[in-house]
């Protein structure tokens, strides 16, 4: 029986750092786009 592993305490930070090192384009987009400005619209149109 395979038991799914839960991510460890630092796994998310480590994974994010590796993606940034590899040139993840979302890092650049995040620096240019204010996602919080769109949050209300996204909540309004999201499917429950």
C-alpha atoms as a PDB file:
ATOM      1  CA  UNK A   1       0.000   0.000   0.000  1.00  0.00           C
ATOM      2  CA  UNK A   2       1.413   3.379  -1.016  1.00  0.00           C
ATOM      3  CA  UNK A   3       0.847   6.155   1.474  1.00  0.00           C
ATOM      4  CA  UNK A   4       0.963   9.635  -0.084  1.00  0.00           C
ATOM      5  CA  UNK A   5       3.693  11.748   1.448  1.00  0.00           C
ATOM      6  CA  UNK A   6       2.831  15.111   2.866  1.00  0.00           C
ATOM      7  CA  UNK A   7       5.211  17.941   2.070  1.00  0.00           C
ATOM      8  CA  UNK A   8       7.641  18.728   4.855  1.00  0.00           C
ATOM      9  CA  UNK A   9       7.881  22.022   6.661  1.00  0.00           C
ATOM     10  CA  UNK A  10      10.548  23.483   4.333  1.00  0.00           C
ATOM     11  CA  UNK A  11       9.621  21.637   1.119  1.00  0.00           C
ATOM     12  CA  UNK A  12       7.551  24.479  -0.309  1.00  0.00           C
ATOM     13  CA  UNK A  13      10.289  27.057   0.307  1.00  0.00           C
ATOM     14  CA  UNK A  14      12.939  24.759  -1.168  1.00  0.00           C
ATOM     15  CA  UNK A  15      10.804  24.015  -4.219  1.00  0.00           C
ATOM     16  CA  UNK A  16      10.069  27.711  -4.760  1.00  0.00           C
ATOM     17  CA  UNK A  17      13.761  28.606  -4.470  1.00  0.00           C
ATOM     18  CA  UNK A  18      14.686  25.944  -7.048  1.00  0.00           C
ATOM     19  CA  UNK A  19      12.052  27.229  -9.474  1.00  0.00           C
ATOM     20  CA  UNK A  20      13.343  30.773  -9.048  1.00  0.00           C
ATOM     21  CA  UNK A  21      16.908  29.608  -9.747  1.00  0.00           C
ATOM     22  CA  UNK A  22      15.712  27.879 -12.907  1.00  0.00           C
ATOM     23  CA  UNK A  23      14.147  31.122 -14.196  1.00  0.00           C
ATOM     24  CA  UNK A  24      10.485  30.538 -13.365  1.00  0.00           C
ATOM     25  CA  UNK A  25       8.517  33.103 -15.426  1.00  0.00           C
ATOM     26  CA  UNK A  26       5.870  33.402 -12.707  1.00  0.00           C
ATOM     27  CA  UNK A  27       8.380  35.194 -10.479  1.00  0.00           C
ATOM     28  CA  UNK A  28       8.687  37.956 -13.073  1.00  0.00           C
ATOM     29  CA  UNK A  29       4.939  38.112 -13.619  1.00  0.00           C
ATOM     30  CA  UNK A  30       4.336  38.328  -9.893  1.00  0.00           C
ATOM     31  CA  UNK A  31       6.672  41.332  -9.729  1.00  0.00           C
ATOM     32  CA  UNK A  32       4.728  43.113 -12.505  1.00  0.00           C
ATOM     33  CA  UNK A  33       1.111  42.178 -11.756  1.00  0.00           C
ATOM     34  CA  UNK A  34      -0.769  43.147  -8.620  1.00  0.00           C
ATOM     35  CA  UNK A  35      -2.825  39.975  -8.128  1.00  0.00           C
ATOM     36  CA  UNK A  36      -4.554  41.394  -5.060  1.00  0.00           C
ATOM     37  CA  UNK A  37      -6.176  44.053  -7.259  1.00  0.00           C
ATOM     38  CA  UNK A  38      -7.967  41.256  -9.163  1.00  0.00           C
ATOM     39  CA  UNK A  39      -8.948  39.156  -6.144  1.00  0.00           C
ATOM     40  CA  UNK A  40     -12.457  40.625  -5.729  1.00  0.00           C
ATOM     41  CA  UNK A  41     -13.287  40.048  -9.404  1.00  0.00           C
ATOM     42  CA  UNK A  42     -11.951  36.497  -9.262  1.00  0.00           C
ATOM     43  CA  UNK A  43     -14.059  35.719  -6.196  1.00  0.00           C
ATOM     44  CA  UNK A  44     -17.118  37.222  -7.864  1.00  0.00           C
ATOM     45  CA  UNK A  45     -16.817  35.090 -11.021  1.00  0.00           C
ATOM     46  CA  UNK A  46     -15.475  31.894  -9.458  1.00  0.00           C
ATOM     47  CA  UNK A  47     -17.539  28.744  -9.633  1.00  0.00           C
ATOM     48  CA  UNK A  48     -18.634  27.521  -6.173  1.00  0.00           C
END
